[in-house]
Amino acid sequence: MCCWTGTGASIAANKVAGVRAALCTDAYSAEGARRWNDANVLALSLRLTSEPLLKEILDAWFAAEASEDAEDRENVARVGRLDLGRTVP
């Protein structure tokens, strides 16, 4: 998802059940979002992301896999439990 800053796109995407969107501004944040947060939607800033940087971000995003570390999985589960109390108007 993209918008001028990427912030609005990530906020909107995270309103959809099952979406774990992360605003990523570099390859490290893209890899970490996938690995430690099990993100499944990438949000990008159209203003800040050059074509070479986009390639780095996408390469990192698609190469990364969710961590199998028990502590990381519990953190992901903890965030998932926050969705259980959400109501939609």
C-alpha atoms as a PDB file:
ATOM      1  CA  MET A   1       0.000   0.000   0.000  1.00  0.00           C
ATOM      2  CA  CYS A   2       1.236   3.475  -0.757  1.00  0.00           C
ATOM      3  CA  CYS A   3       0.349   7.047   0.027  1.00  0.00           C
ATOM      4  CA  TRP A   4       2.337  10.262   0.229  1.00  0.00           C
ATOM      5  CA  THR A   5       3.846   9.487   3.653  1.00  0.00           C
ATOM      6  CA  GLY A   6       2.753   5.854   3.993  1.00  0.00           C
ATOM      7  CA  THR A   7       1.214   6.574   7.383  1.00  0.00           C
ATOM      8  CA  GLY A   8      -2.385   6.832   6.207  1.00  0.00           C
ATOM      9  CA  ALA A   9      -2.039   3.707   4.089  1.00  0.00           C
ATOM     10  CA  SER A  10      -0.741   1.700   7.043  1.00  0.00           C
ATOM     11  CA  ILE A  11      -3.445   3.004   9.385  1.00  0.00           C
ATOM     12  CA  ALA A  12      -6.196   2.209   6.865  1.00  0.00           C
ATOM     13  CA  ALA A  13      -4.810  -1.229   6.078  1.00  0.00           C
ATOM     14  CA  ASN A  14      -4.671  -2.146   9.755  1.00  0.00           C
ATOM     15  CA  LYS A  15      -8.425  -1.559  10.015  1.00  0.00           C
ATOM     16  CA  VAL A  16      -8.974  -4.690   7.900  1.00  0.00           C
ATOM     17  CA  ALA A  17      -9.314  -7.917   9.880  1.00  0.00           C
ATOM     18  CA  GLY A  18      -6.255 -10.122   9.559  1.00  0.00           C
ATOM     19  CA  VAL A  19      -4.033  -7.388   8.140  1.00  0.00           C
ATOM     20  CA  ARG A  20      -0.730  -6.644   9.837  1.00  0.00           C
ATOM     21  CA  ALA A  21       0.545  -3.654   7.877  1.00  0.00           C
ATOM     22  CA  ALA A  22       3.937  -2.093   8.520  1.00  0.00           C
ATOM     23  CA  LEU A  23       5.249   1.225   7.266  1.00  0.00           C
ATOM     24  CA  CYS A  24       8.785   0.481   6.118  1.00  0.00           C
ATOM     25  CA  THR A  25      11.302   3.123   5.130  1.00  0.00           C
ATOM     26  CA  ASP A  26      14.330   0.910   4.606  1.00  0.00           C
ATOM     27  CA  ALA A  27      15.346  -2.715   4.076  1.00  0.00           C
ATOM     28  CA  TYR A  28      16.064  -3.296   7.768  1.00  0.00           C
ATOM     29  CA  SER A  29      12.590  -2.211   8.866  1.00  0.00           C
ATOM     30  CA  ALA A  30      11.010  -4.324   6.098  1.00  0.00           C
ATOM     31  CA  GLU A  31      12.928  -7.419   7.158  1.00  0.00           C
ATOM     32  CA  GLY A  32      12.138  -6.818  10.825  1.00  0.00           C
ATOM     33  CA  ALA A  33       8.456  -6.231  10.155  1.00  0.00           C
ATOM     34  CA  ARG A  34       8.220  -9.632   8.491  1.00  0.00           C
ATOM     35  CA  ARG A  35      10.505 -11.476  10.895  1.00  0.00           C
ATOM     36  CA  TRP A  36       9.525 -10.114  14.314  1.00  0.00           C
ATOM     37  CA  ASN A  37       6.012  -8.803  13.682  1.00  0.00           C
ATOM     38  CA  ASP A  38       4.746 -11.251  11.055  1.00  0.00           C
ATOM     39  CA  ALA A  39       3.593  -8.306   8.913  1.00  0.00           C
ATOM     40  CA  ASN A  40       1.639  -9.288   5.804  1.00  0.00           C
ATOM     41  CA  VAL A  41       1.103  -5.874   4.196  1.00  0.00           C
ATOM     42  CA  LEU A  42       3.856  -3.442   3.270  1.00  0.00           C
ATOM     43  CA  ALA A  43       3.102   0.286   3.452  1.00  0.00           C
ATOM     44  CA  LEU A  44       5.387   2.715   1.637  1.00  0.00           C
ATOM     45  CA  SER A  45       5.870   6.456   1.369  1.00  0.00           C
ATOM     46  CA  LEU A  46       5.654   7.756  -2.192  1.00  0.00           C
ATOM     47  CA  ARG A  47       7.526  10.875  -1.072  1.00  0.00           C
ATOM     48  CA  LEU A  48      10.496   9.180   0.586  1.00  0.00           C
ATOM     49  CA  THR A  49      10.984   5.996  -1.444  1.00  0.00           C
ATOM     50  CA  SER A  50      13.299   6.216  -4.442  1.00  0.00           C
ATOM     51  CA  GLU A  51      13.432   3.436  -7.015  1.00  0.00           C
ATOM     52  CA  PRO A  52      16.759   2.005  -5.709  1.00  0.00           C
ATOM     53  CA  LEU A  53      15.455   2.117  -2.127  1.00  0.00           C
ATOM     54  CA  LEU A  54      12.204   0.473  -3.201  1.00  0.00           C
ATOM     55  CA  LYS A  55      14.181  -2.423  -4.680  1.00  0.00           C
ATOM     56  CA  GLU A  56      16.090  -2.872  -1.409  1.00  0.00           C
ATOM     57  CA  ILE A  57      12.883  -2.771   0.624  1.00  0.00           C
ATOM     58  CA  LEU A  58      11.075  -5.247  -1.629  1.00  0.00           C
ATOM     59  CA  ASP A  59      14.031  -7.640  -1.718  1.00  0.00           C
ATOM     60  CA  ALA A  60      14.204  -7.631   2.080  1.00  0.00           C
ATOM     61  CA  TRP A  61      10.419  -7.967   2.456  1.00  0.00           C
ATOM     62  CA  PHE A  62      10.132 -10.973   0.168  1.00  0.00           C
ATOM     63  CA  ALA A  63      13.277 -12.690   1.490  1.00  0.00           C
ATOM     64  CA  ALA A  64      12.279 -12.470   5.163  1.00  0.00           C
ATOM     65  CA  GLU A  65      10.211 -15.079   6.939  1.00  0.00           C
ATOM     66  CA  ALA A  66       8.396 -14.976  10.250  1.00  0.00           C
ATOM     67  CA  SER A  67      10.606 -15.866  13.194  1.00  0.00           C
ATOM     68  CA  GLU A  68      10.078 -19.252  14.801  1.00  0.00           C
ATOM     69  CA  ASP A  69      11.551 -18.021  18.093  1.00  0.00           C
ATOM     70  CA  ALA A  70       9.082 -18.690  20.920  1.00  0.00           C
ATOM     71  CA  GLU A  71       9.372 -15.170  22.348  1.00  0.00           C
ATOM     72  CA  ASP A  72       8.774 -13.599  18.933  1.00  0.00           C
ATOM     73  CA  ARG A  73       5.748 -15.853  18.317  1.00  0.00           C
ATOM     74  CA  GLU A  74       4.305 -14.892  21.719  1.00  0.00           C
ATOM     75  CA  ASN A  75       4.726 -11.203  20.896  1.00  0.00           C
ATOM     76  CA  VAL A  76       2.837 -11.720  17.629  1.00  0.00           C
ATOM     77  CA  ALA A  77       0.115 -13.664  19.470  1.00  0.00           C
ATOM     78  CA  ARG A  78      -0.140 -10.894  22.091  1.00  0.00           C
ATOM     79  CA  VAL A  79      -0.779  -8.296  19.392  1.00  0.00           C
ATOM     80  CA  GLY A  80      -3.293 -10.638  17.757  1.00  0.00           C
ATOM     81  CA  ARG A  81      -5.235 -10.844  20.999  1.00  0.00           C
ATOM     82  CA  LEU A  82      -5.706  -7.072  20.894  1.00  0.00           C
ATOM     83  CA  ASP A  83      -7.894  -7.588  17.813  1.00  0.00           C
ATOM     84  CA  LEU A  84     -10.277  -9.806  19.759  1.00  0.00           C
ATOM     85  CA  GLY A  85     -11.727  -6.808  21.602  1.00  0.00           C
ATOM     86  CA  ARG A  86     -12.160  -4.676  18.462  1.00  0.00           C
ATOM     87  CA  THR A  87     -15.669  -3.811  17.372  1.00  0.00           C
ATOM     88  CA  VAL A  88     -16.655  -2.343  14.055  1.00  0.00           C
ATOM     89  CA  PRO A  89     -19.245   0.462  14.113  1.00  0.00           C
END
